[in-house]
C-alpha atoms as a PDB file:
ATOM      1  CA  MET A   1    -100.146 -25.921 -25.678  1.00  0.00           C
ATOM      2  CA  PRO A   2     -96.679 -27.188 -26.775  1.00  0.00           C
ATOM      3  CA  GLY A   3     -94.230 -28.021 -23.977  1.00  0.00           C
ATOM      4  CA  ALA A   4     -91.617 -25.383 -24.839  1.00  0.00           C
ATOM      5  CA  TYR A   5     -94.194 -22.589 -24.963  1.00  0.00           C
ATOM      6  CA  LYS A   6     -95.838 -23.723 -21.731  1.00  0.00           C
ATOM      7  CA  THR A   7     -92.444 -23.844 -19.996  1.00  0.00           C
ATOM      8  CA  SER A   8     -91.669 -20.329 -21.210  1.00  0.00           C
ATOM      9  CA  VAL A   9     -94.991 -18.979 -19.907  1.00  0.00           C
ATOM     10  CA  LEU A  10     -94.508 -20.686 -16.530  1.00  0.00           C
ATOM     11  CA  ARG A  11     -90.941 -19.347 -16.250  1.00  0.00           C
ATOM     12  CA  GLU A  12     -91.982 -15.773 -17.052  1.00  0.00           C
ATOM     13  CA  ASN A  13     -94.899 -15.836 -14.580  1.00  0.00           C
ATOM     14  CA  PHE A  14     -93.005 -17.507 -11.724  1.00  0.00           C
ATOM     15  CA  LYS A  15     -93.152 -15.337  -8.587  1.00  0.00           C
ATOM     16  CA  SER A  16     -91.446 -17.290  -5.795  1.00  0.00           C
ATOM     17  CA  GLY A  17     -90.920 -20.713  -4.306  1.00  0.00           C
ATOM     18  CA  ARG A  18     -89.104 -23.835  -5.392  1.00  0.00           C
ATOM     19  CA  ALA A  19     -88.128 -24.406  -9.020  1.00  0.00           C
ATOM     20  CA  VAL A  20     -87.279 -28.087  -9.573  1.00  0.00           C
ATOM     21  CA  PHE A  21     -85.382 -29.257 -12.661  1.00  0.00           C
ATOM     22  CA  THR A  22     -84.592 -32.882 -13.514  1.00  0.00           C
ATOM     23  CA  MET A  23     -82.393 -35.014 -15.744  1.00  0.00           C
ATOM     24  CA  PRO A  24     -84.490 -38.041 -16.706  1.00  0.00           C
ATOM     25  CA  SER A  25     -83.193 -41.583 -16.706  1.00  0.00           C
ATOM     26  CA  PRO A  26     -82.390 -42.757 -19.331  1.00  0.00           C
ATOM     27  CA  PRO A  27     -80.845 -39.469 -20.441  1.00  0.00           C
ATOM     28  CA  VAL A  28     -82.359 -37.362 -23.209  1.00  0.00           C
ATOM     29  CA  LYS A  29     -80.744 -36.991 -26.637  1.00  0.00           C
ATOM     30  CA  CYS A  30     -79.094 -33.686 -25.685  1.00  0.00           C
ATOM     31  CA  GLY A  31     -77.577 -34.157 -22.234  1.00  0.00           C
ATOM     32  CA  GLY A  32     -77.163 -30.421 -21.698  1.00  0.00           C
ATOM     33  CA  ALA A  33     -80.806 -29.517 -22.381  1.00  0.00           C
ATOM     34  CA  PRO A  34     -82.073 -29.895 -18.774  1.00  0.00           C
ATOM     35  CA  LEU A  35     -79.203 -27.749 -17.485  1.00  0.00           C
ATOM     36  CA  LYS A  36     -79.769 -25.158 -20.200  1.00  0.00           C
ATOM     37  CA  ILE A  37     -83.419 -24.628 -19.246  1.00  0.00           C
ATOM     38  CA  MET A  38     -82.401 -24.383 -15.582  1.00  0.00           C
ATOM     39  CA  PHE A  39     -79.819 -21.677 -16.356  1.00  0.00           C
ATOM     40  CA  LEU A  40     -82.234 -19.823 -18.650  1.00  0.00           C
ATOM     41  CA  SER A  41     -84.844 -19.924 -15.901  1.00  0.00           C
ATOM     42  CA  GLU A  42     -82.374 -18.612 -13.332  1.00  0.00           C
ATOM     43  CA  GLU A  43     -81.584 -15.691 -15.629  1.00  0.00           C
ATOM     44  CA  THR A  44     -85.310 -14.993 -16.099  1.00  0.00           C
ATOM     45  CA  PHE A  45     -85.865 -15.065 -12.322  1.00  0.00           C
ATOM     46  CA  ARG A  46     -83.080 -12.468 -11.901  1.00  0.00           C
ATOM     47  CA  ARG A  47     -84.487 -10.257 -14.652  1.00  0.00           C
ATOM     48  CA  ASN A  48     -87.967 -10.457 -13.099  1.00  0.00           C
ATOM     49  CA  LYS A  49     -86.511  -9.725  -9.647  1.00  0.00           C
ATOM     50  CA  VAL A  50     -87.776 -12.954  -8.061  1.00  0.00           C
ATOM     51  CA  ARG A  51     -84.424 -14.790  -7.769  1.00  0.00           C
ATOM     52  CA  GLU A  52     -84.054 -13.955  -4.063  1.00  0.00           C
ATOM     53  CA  GLN A  53     -87.433 -15.580  -3.385  1.00  0.00           C
ATOM     54  CA  THR A  54     -86.598 -18.687  -5.436  1.00  0.00           C
ATOM     55  CA  GLU A  55     -84.902 -21.938  -4.465  1.00  0.00           C
ATOM     56  CA  ILE A  56     -83.531 -23.724  -7.537  1.00  0.00           C
ATOM     57  CA  LEU A  57     -83.089 -27.495  -7.293  1.00  0.00           C
ATOM     58  CA  TYR A  58     -81.603 -29.886  -9.870  1.00  0.00           C
ATOM     59  CA  TYR A  59     -82.032 -33.657  -9.606  1.00  0.00           C
ATOM     60  CA  THR A  60     -80.582 -36.318 -11.853  1.00  0.00           C
ATOM     61  CA  GLY A  61     -81.850 -39.878 -12.212  1.00  0.00           C
ATOM     62  CA  THR A  62     -78.436 -40.994 -13.419  1.00  0.00           C
ATOM     63  CA  GLY A  63     -76.403 -40.102 -10.303  1.00  0.00           C
ATOM     64  CA  VAL A  64     -74.057 -37.811 -12.278  1.00  0.00           C
ATOM     65  CA  PHE A  65     -74.387 -34.480 -14.077  1.00  0.00           C
ATOM     66  CA  PHE A  66     -73.336 -35.778 -17.493  1.00  0.00           C
ATOM     67  CA  PRO A  67     -73.759 -39.546 -17.930  1.00  0.00           C
ATOM     68  CA  PRO A  68     -71.277 -41.421 -20.170  1.00  0.00           C
END
């Protein structure tokens, strides 16, 4: 199962708990991609009415949101 499809299925079926998102080190080609999937997931959690039961965490291996 391709990564993007698997992520989409997991996001849609998420019911509650901790959703952890990361920015790898070294950074990926598109620095905004990890944030984008986090924001898309947050929107999906709201639409599916599980946002109140969800803790969203974002960790970066670079120490900053957008590395130089």
